[in-house]
Amino acid sequence: MAGAETATDAAGAGAWLAGLGSMLAEPFLIGPDSRLFYMNFIVFIACGAAVYWLHARRPGDATNVSGSGPLGFIFPAKMYLSRSSLVDLKIYIANHFVSFKAAGVKLVSISAIAAATASVLEPVLGGLALDGQAFWALALCALMMAMANDFATYVTHRLTHENKALWPFHRVHHSAEVLTPLTLYRKHPVYSFISSLIQPLIAGPVIGVIAVVFDQHGVWTIMGVNAVYMMFNFVGANLRHSHIWIEFGPVLSRVFISPAMHQIHHSIDPKHYDRNYGEVFALWDWMFGTIYIPNGREEISFGVVDNPGATGASPAQPHPTLKDAYLEPIRAFARELSGREDKGAADDPPVGVRAA
């Protein structure tokens, strides 16, 4: 009996250690659903090399941030080894352990919302009974889900920009002084919390529609990832957070967010405030009047500014460390709720207020 108990205890300890090891390794286990997946970086390097050979290798070209060849242009050391990039890395790793997801907390049940939507729509749309396994249906469902998730991103993004109390949590992302693919993950856990509340409320009803009309919950996937998002990653999504300038032109830029348009979004120039909130699709920005389509290369600086109204304002850094990135937004949020007047860079108002 004692031997059985010992074996059980050993098995339990082994399972606990395996779980701990899995949690510790998670930040470094990068799958196809991550922008940091190796195939996405192959595209990133190929696009960067094309820009280098077409433009940046010419002497005096504004895009030539490095004189050490194509790899030096794509991965300039002064950006990737900067203090800002180091904070990006620390936040990326730390968020795997401090986020509500790490604690197993399920905030809003997307399946419950989908089920409730389906029960309401069944009497109206149930008679359609389309073939959900046809290729066109799977592709349409994938597009519907991608657009729903992207609209949720637009809503979350715009809300955290234009709400003065919520802006400090998103400002962590904008305080990056250089943009690299890892900057995507420079997010305060509270921002992710807000997103996790909004995304199910928008995507859940779409899943309900898909369940009723197509009688299935799956969509077209590539390597287990929504096909639309996988293709978005394959065509250079990592370029959005980089110095590599690529435009889509005046027509396509009203449908999709180009890398240049998202770099504009990070700009400290007042004319770029409150613009280009979308992640994949520019349709939402076009529809709601927040689109900014550049006409040729624009010289931009990244970060947040301590005196937005001043001529020649320069970037400030409210988050020089991981500790600051986590705690400063909470202090700023508390000050805003208490009604105390903001002072200095630590209380920088939201972008919407800066542009007003």
Protein backbone atom coordinates (compact mmCIF):
# COMPACT_ATOMS: atom_id res chain seq x y z
CA MET A 1 0.00 0.00 0.00
CA ALA A 2 2.83 2.35 0.92
CA GLY A 3 4.57 1.50 -2.34
CA ALA A 4 1.45 2.37 -4.32
CA GLU A 5 1.14 5.69 -2.50
CA THR A 6 4.80 6.43 -3.17
CA ALA A 7 4.32 5.67 -6.86
CA THR A 8 1.25 7.89 -6.97
CA ASP A 9 3.12 10.73 -5.28
CA ALA A 10 6.01 10.32 -7.70
CA ALA A 11 3.65 10.37 -10.66
CA GLY A 12 1.98 13.49 -9.30
CA ALA A 13 5.31 15.21 -8.76
CA GLY A 14 6.40 14.21 -12.25
CA ALA A 15 3.22 15.64 -13.76
CA TRP A 16 3.70 18.84 -11.78
CA LEU A 17 7.30 19.18 -12.97
CA ALA A 18 6.25 18.45 -16.54
CA GLY A 19 3.59 21.15 -16.32
CA LEU A 20 6.07 23.61 -14.86
CA GLY A 21 8.58 22.81 -17.59
CA SER A 22 5.93 23.29 -20.25
CA MET A 23 4.97 26.67 -18.82
CA LEU A 24 8.60 27.79 -18.65
CA ALA A 25 9.24 26.66 -22.22
CA GLU A 26 6.04 28.15 -23.67
CA PRO A 27 7.52 31.56 -24.62
CA PHE A 28 10.09 29.78 -26.75
CA LEU A 29 7.81 27.20 -28.39
CA ILE A 30 6.71 29.17 -31.41
CA GLY A 31 4.00 27.61 -33.58
CA PRO A 32 2.32 28.55 -36.86
CA ASP A 33 -0.15 30.81 -35.05
CA SER A 34 2.68 33.16 -33.99
CA ARG A 35 4.11 36.03 -36.02
CA LEU A 36 7.49 34.76 -34.83
CA PHE A 37 7.06 31.44 -36.66
CA TYR A 38 10.10 30.72 -38.82
CA MET A 39 8.14 30.70 -42.11
CA ASN A 40 6.90 34.22 -41.39
CA PHE A 41 10.48 35.33 -40.84
CA ILE A 42 11.51 33.84 -44.18
CA VAL A 43 8.95 36.11 -45.85
CA PHE A 44 10.08 39.02 -43.66
CA ILE A 45 13.69 38.57 -44.79
CA ALA A 46 12.69 38.14 -48.45
CA CYS A 47 10.59 41.33 -48.43
CA GLY A 48 13.29 43.24 -46.58
CA ALA A 49 15.92 42.10 -49.07
CA ALA A 50 13.71 43.19 -51.97
CA VAL A 51 13.29 46.66 -50.45
CA TYR A 52 17.04 46.85 -49.86
CA TRP A 53 17.97 45.96 -53.42
CA LEU A 54 15.30 48.20 -54.94
CA HIS A 55 15.83 51.26 -52.75
CA ALA A 56 17.87 51.18 -49.56
CA ARG A 57 21.27 50.24 -50.98
CA ARG A 58 21.38 53.48 -52.94
CA PRO A 59 23.67 56.03 -51.25
CA GLY A 60 21.75 58.68 -49.36
CA ASP A 61 18.43 56.84 -49.51
CA ALA A 62 16.35 57.66 -46.43
CA THR A 63 15.51 53.99 -45.83
CA ASN A 64 19.15 52.96 -45.58
CA VAL A 65 19.58 52.71 -41.82
CA SER A 66 22.61 50.47 -42.08
CA GLY A 67 25.58 50.33 -44.39
CA SER A 68 26.35 46.67 -43.73
CA GLY A 69 24.47 44.99 -46.55
CA PRO A 70 20.97 43.47 -46.77
CA LEU A 71 21.05 41.66 -43.41
CA GLY A 72 22.36 44.78 -41.73
CA PHE A 73 19.49 46.69 -43.30
CA ILE A 74 16.85 44.13 -42.29
CA PHE A 75 18.20 43.59 -38.75
CA PRO A 76 20.07 46.78 -37.79
CA ALA A 77 21.96 46.21 -34.55
CA LYS A 78 21.17 49.66 -33.19
CA MET A 79 17.47 48.73 -33.25
CA TYR A 80 17.51 45.07 -32.28
CA LEU A 81 20.04 45.57 -29.47
CA SER A 82 18.47 48.77 -28.16
CA ARG A 83 17.06 49.19 -24.65
CA SER A 84 13.58 49.50 -26.17
CA SER A 85 13.91 46.11 -27.87
CA LEU A 86 15.19 44.57 -24.64
CA VAL A 87 12.04 45.75 -22.87
CA ASP A 88 10.00 44.21 -25.71
CA LEU A 89 11.67 40.87 -25.03
CA LYS A 90 11.14 41.08 -21.27
CA ILE A 91 7.45 41.89 -21.70
CA TYR A 92 7.04 39.07 -24.23
CA ILE A 93 8.44 36.53 -21.77
CA ALA A 94 6.86 37.95 -18.61
CA ASN A 95 3.36 38.12 -20.11
CA HIS A 96 3.35 34.33 -20.45
CA PHE A 97 3.39 34.10 -16.65
CA VAL A 98 1.42 37.11 -15.39
CA SER A 99 -1.49 37.22 -17.83
CA PHE A 100 -4.95 35.98 -16.89
CA LYS A 101 -4.57 33.27 -19.55
CA ALA A 102 -1.60 31.85 -17.65
CA ALA A 103 -3.86 31.58 -14.63
CA GLY A 104 -6.47 29.69 -16.66
CA VAL A 105 -9.10 32.39 -16.23
CA LYS A 106 -11.86 32.34 -18.85
CA LEU A 107 -13.41 35.77 -18.91
CA VAL A 108 -16.18 35.49 -21.49
CA SER A 109 -17.38 32.23 -22.99
CA ILE A 110 -17.31 32.67 -26.73
CA SER A 111 -19.07 29.31 -27.15
CA ALA A 112 -21.91 30.43 -24.89
CA ILE A 113 -22.39 33.61 -26.91
CA ALA A 114 -22.28 31.59 -30.13
CA ALA A 115 -24.85 29.13 -28.77
CA ALA A 116 -27.18 31.91 -27.65
CA THR A 117 -26.89 33.57 -31.07
CA ALA A 118 -27.58 30.28 -32.82
CA SER A 119 -30.70 29.62 -30.74
CA VAL A 120 -32.11 33.03 -31.67
CA LEU A 121 -31.27 32.74 -35.37
CA GLU A 122 -32.26 29.10 -35.86
CA PRO A 123 -35.95 29.85 -36.58
CA VAL A 124 -34.95 32.48 -39.14
CA LEU A 125 -31.86 31.10 -40.84
CA GLY A 126 -32.04 27.39 -40.06
CA GLY A 127 -33.77 26.61 -43.32
CA LEU A 128 -30.80 27.63 -45.42
CA ALA A 129 -28.78 24.52 -44.53
CA LEU A 130 -25.86 25.29 -46.83
CA ASP A 131 -23.07 22.79 -47.38
CA GLY A 132 -20.52 23.83 -44.79
CA GLN A 133 -17.88 21.44 -46.10
CA ALA A 134 -17.68 22.92 -49.59
CA PHE A 135 -14.43 24.76 -50.27
CA TRP A 136 -16.18 28.05 -50.96
CA ALA A 137 -18.11 27.74 -47.69
CA LEU A 138 -14.97 27.03 -45.63
CA ALA A 139 -13.22 29.98 -47.30
CA LEU A 140 -16.22 32.25 -46.67
CA CYS A 141 -16.40 31.19 -43.02
CA ALA A 142 -12.67 31.80 -42.60
CA LEU A 143 -13.10 35.29 -44.06
CA MET A 144 -16.10 36.01 -41.83
CA MET A 145 -14.19 34.93 -38.71
CA ALA A 146 -11.10 36.92 -39.71
CA MET A 147 -13.17 40.04 -40.33
CA ALA A 148 -15.01 39.61 -37.01
CA ASN A 149 -11.76 39.23 -35.08
CA ASP A 150 -10.20 42.13 -36.94
CA PHE A 151 -13.17 44.37 -36.20
CA ALA A 152 -12.84 43.41 -32.54
CA THR A 153 -9.19 44.47 -32.76
CA TYR A 154 -10.25 47.78 -34.30
CA VAL A 155 -12.78 48.41 -31.51
CA THR A 156 -10.32 47.49 -28.75
CA HIS A 157 -7.52 49.50 -30.35
CA ARG A 158 -9.59 52.61 -30.86
CA LEU A 159 -11.18 52.40 -27.41
CA THR A 160 -7.80 52.22 -25.68
CA HIS A 161 -6.51 55.15 -27.71
CA GLU A 162 -9.41 57.49 -27.25
CA ASN A 163 -10.44 56.69 -23.68
CA LYS A 164 -8.23 58.69 -21.33
CA ALA A 165 -8.44 56.15 -18.50
CA LEU A 166 -7.54 53.16 -20.71
CA TRP A 167 -4.84 54.84 -22.80
CA PRO A 168 -2.00 54.24 -20.26
CA PHE A 169 -2.35 50.49 -20.74
CA HIS A 170 -2.00 50.73 -24.51
CA ARG A 171 0.69 53.40 -24.26
CA VAL A 172 3.08 50.59 -23.26
CA HIS A 173 2.91 49.41 -26.86
CA HIS A 174 3.42 52.90 -28.25
CA SER A 175 6.35 53.72 -25.99
CA ALA A 176 8.56 51.48 -28.14
CA GLU A 177 11.22 53.73 -29.66
CA VAL A 178 12.04 51.27 -32.43
CA LEU A 179 9.79 48.75 -34.13
CA THR A 180 10.75 45.10 -34.50
CA PRO A 181 8.51 42.03 -34.93
CA LEU A 182 8.71 41.47 -31.16
CA THR A 183 7.08 44.88 -30.57
CA LEU A 184 3.75 43.26 -31.45
CA TYR A 185 3.90 41.52 -28.07
CA ARG A 186 4.77 44.66 -26.12
CA LYS A 187 1.35 44.81 -24.47
CA HIS A 188 0.25 45.43 -20.92
CA PRO A 189 -1.77 42.51 -19.49
CA VAL A 190 -4.71 44.86 -18.88
CA TYR A 191 -4.83 45.65 -22.61
CA SER A 192 -5.03 41.92 -23.31
CA PHE A 193 -7.72 41.68 -20.64
CA ILE A 194 -9.81 44.34 -22.40
CA SER A 195 -9.32 42.61 -25.73
CA SER A 196 -10.43 39.28 -24.24
CA LEU A 197 -13.71 40.91 -23.20
CA ILE A 198 -14.45 42.55 -26.55
CA GLN A 199 -13.34 39.82 -28.94
CA PRO A 200 -15.90 37.18 -27.83
CA LEU A 201 -18.73 39.72 -27.94
CA ILE A 202 -18.02 40.35 -31.63
CA ALA A 203 -16.73 36.97 -32.81
CA GLY A 204 -19.23 34.89 -30.81
CA PRO A 205 -22.30 35.96 -32.81
CA VAL A 206 -20.43 35.29 -36.07
CA ILE A 207 -19.69 31.76 -34.91
CA GLY A 208 -23.39 31.41 -34.10
CA VAL A 209 -24.32 32.45 -37.65
CA ILE A 210 -21.81 30.00 -39.11
CA ALA A 211 -23.21 27.21 -36.92
CA VAL A 212 -26.78 27.85 -38.05
CA VAL A 213 -26.21 28.53 -41.74
CA PHE A 214 -23.40 26.04 -42.41
CA ASP A 215 -24.05 23.56 -39.59
CA GLN A 216 -20.41 23.49 -38.55
CA HIS A 217 -17.91 25.37 -36.43
CA GLY A 218 -14.74 24.79 -38.44
CA VAL A 219 -13.31 27.14 -41.02
CA TRP A 220 -10.65 26.83 -43.69
CA THR A 221 -7.32 26.54 -41.94
CA ILE A 222 -3.68 26.24 -42.90
CA MET A 223 -1.51 24.39 -40.37
CA GLY A 224 -4.35 24.75 -37.88
CA VAL A 225 -4.57 28.55 -38.24
CA ASN A 226 -7.40 30.54 -39.84
CA ALA A 227 -6.41 30.64 -43.51
CA VAL A 228 -6.91 34.41 -43.82
CA TYR A 229 -4.60 35.12 -40.88
CA MET A 230 -2.05 32.59 -42.09
CA MET A 231 -1.95 34.25 -45.51
CA PHE A 232 -1.72 37.65 -43.80
CA ASN A 233 1.31 36.39 -41.88
CA PHE A 234 2.82 34.88 -45.03
CA VAL A 235 2.62 38.14 -46.99
CA GLY A 236 4.71 40.03 -44.49
CA ALA A 237 2.69 40.89 -41.37
CA ASN A 238 5.95 41.27 -39.44
CA LEU A 239 6.85 44.22 -41.65
CA ARG A 240 4.22 46.26 -39.80
CA HIS A 241 6.51 46.47 -36.80
CA SER A 242 9.71 47.30 -38.58
CA HIS A 243 11.50 50.18 -40.32
CA ILE A 244 10.93 48.58 -43.74
CA TRP A 245 8.54 50.82 -45.64
CA ILE A 246 6.08 49.11 -48.00
CA GLU A 247 2.90 50.72 -49.33
CA PHE A 248 -0.06 49.05 -51.07
CA GLY A 249 -1.20 51.99 -53.17
CA PRO A 250 -4.30 54.20 -52.89
CA VAL A 251 -6.83 51.47 -53.80
CA LEU A 252 -5.59 48.37 -51.98
CA SER A 253 -4.77 50.48 -48.91
CA ARG A 254 -8.50 51.02 -48.43
CA VAL A 255 -8.93 47.29 -48.03
CA PHE A 256 -5.76 46.14 -46.25
CA ILE A 257 -3.44 47.81 -43.75
CA SER A 258 0.01 48.10 -45.31
CA PRO A 259 3.21 47.99 -43.24
CA ALA A 260 3.67 51.71 -43.92
CA MET A 261 0.17 52.47 -42.63
CA HIS A 262 0.84 50.75 -39.31
CA GLN A 263 4.20 52.47 -38.97
CA ILE A 264 2.29 55.72 -39.47
CA HIS A 265 0.04 54.65 -36.60
CA HIS A 266 3.10 54.55 -34.30
CA SER A 267 4.31 57.98 -35.41
CA ILE A 268 4.62 60.88 -32.95
CA ASP A 269 3.67 63.39 -35.66
CA PRO A 270 0.28 64.95 -34.67
CA LYS A 271 -1.06 64.53 -38.20
CA HIS A 272 -0.81 60.76 -37.72
CA TYR A 273 -2.72 60.58 -34.43
CA ASP A 274 -5.91 58.49 -34.31
CA ARG A 275 -5.22 56.78 -37.61
CA ASN A 276 -5.01 53.22 -38.97
CA TYR A 277 -6.35 51.19 -36.06
CA GLY A 278 -6.99 48.05 -38.12
CA GLU A 279 -4.73 45.03 -38.02
CA VAL A 280 -5.48 43.19 -41.28
CA PHE A 281 -8.27 45.18 -42.91
CA ALA A 282 -8.32 48.90 -43.57
CA LEU A 283 -12.06 48.75 -44.26
CA TRP A 284 -12.94 49.77 -40.70
CA ASP A 285 -10.65 52.79 -40.78
CA TRP A 286 -12.06 53.76 -44.18
CA MET A 287 -15.66 53.34 -42.99
CA PHE A 288 -15.20 55.27 -39.73
CA GLY A 289 -12.92 58.04 -40.97
CA THR A 290 -9.69 57.00 -39.24
CA ILE A 291 -7.70 56.03 -42.30
CA TYR A 292 -4.42 57.67 -43.31
CA ILE A 293 -2.87 56.53 -46.60
CA PRO A 294 0.66 57.85 -47.14
CA ASN A 295 1.64 59.11 -50.56
CA GLY A 296 5.28 58.12 -50.66
CA ARG A 297 7.85 57.64 -47.93
CA GLU A 298 7.37 59.76 -44.81
CA GLU A 299 10.07 60.32 -42.22
CA ILE A 300 8.63 59.32 -38.86
CA SER A 301 9.78 58.85 -35.27
CA PHE A 302 8.26 56.34 -32.88
CA GLY A 303 7.29 56.52 -29.22
CA VAL A 304 5.17 58.88 -27.13
CA VAL A 305 5.81 62.55 -26.51
CA ASP A 306 5.95 64.41 -23.22
CA ASN A 307 4.59 67.67 -24.62
CA PRO A 308 2.33 66.89 -27.60
CA GLY A 309 1.52 70.52 -28.37
CA ALA A 310 5.12 71.70 -28.53
CA THR A 311 6.87 72.33 -31.82
CA GLY A 312 9.59 69.76 -32.41
CA ALA A 313 8.48 67.59 -29.49
CA SER A 314 10.73 64.58 -29.02
CA PRO A 315 9.85 61.08 -27.79
CA ALA A 316 9.78 60.42 -24.07
CA GLN A 317 10.21 57.00 -22.46
CA PRO A 318 7.77 56.33 -19.61
CA HIS A 319 8.67 52.60 -19.63
CA PRO A 320 12.46 52.19 -19.55
CA THR A 321 12.16 48.92 -17.61
CA LEU A 322 9.82 45.96 -17.33
CA LYS A 323 8.75 47.16 -13.88
CA ASP A 324 7.82 50.57 -15.28
CA ALA A 325 5.94 48.97 -18.18
CA TYR A 326 3.78 47.03 -15.73
CA LEU A 327 3.31 49.52 -12.89
CA GLU A 328 3.31 53.00 -14.50
CA PRO A 329 0.02 52.39 -16.40
CA ILE A 330 -1.66 51.25 -13.19
CA ARG A 331 -0.54 54.41 -11.39
CA ALA A 332 -1.68 56.57 -14.31
CA PHE A 333 -5.03 54.76 -14.39
CA ALA A 334 -5.48 55.34 -10.65
CA ARG A 335 -4.65 59.03 -11.02
CA GLU A 336 -7.18 59.36 -13.81
CA LEU A 337 -9.90 57.71 -11.74
CA SER A 338 -9.08 59.90 -8.78
CA GLY A 339 -9.39 63.01 -10.93
CA ARG A 340 -5.88 64.26 -10.25
CA GLU A 341 -4.38 66.39 -13.00
CA ASP A 342 -1.83 64.67 -15.25
CA LYS A 343 1.69 66.03 -15.16
CA GLY A 344 4.55 65.26 -17.50
CA ALA A 345 5.33 62.25 -19.64
CA ALA A 346 4.13 59.79 -17.02
CA ASP A 347 0.59 61.13 -17.50
CA ASP A 348 0.63 61.65 -21.23
CA PRO A 349 -3.01 61.98 -22.41
CA PRO A 350 -4.49 59.58 -24.93
CA VAL A 351 -3.76 60.08 -28.60
CA GLY A 352 -7.28 61.33 -29.20
CA VAL A 353 -6.74 64.11 -26.68
CA ARG A 354 -3.38 64.99 -28.19
CA ALA A 355 -4.98 65.44 -31.58
CA ALA A 356 -7.89 67.49 -30.30
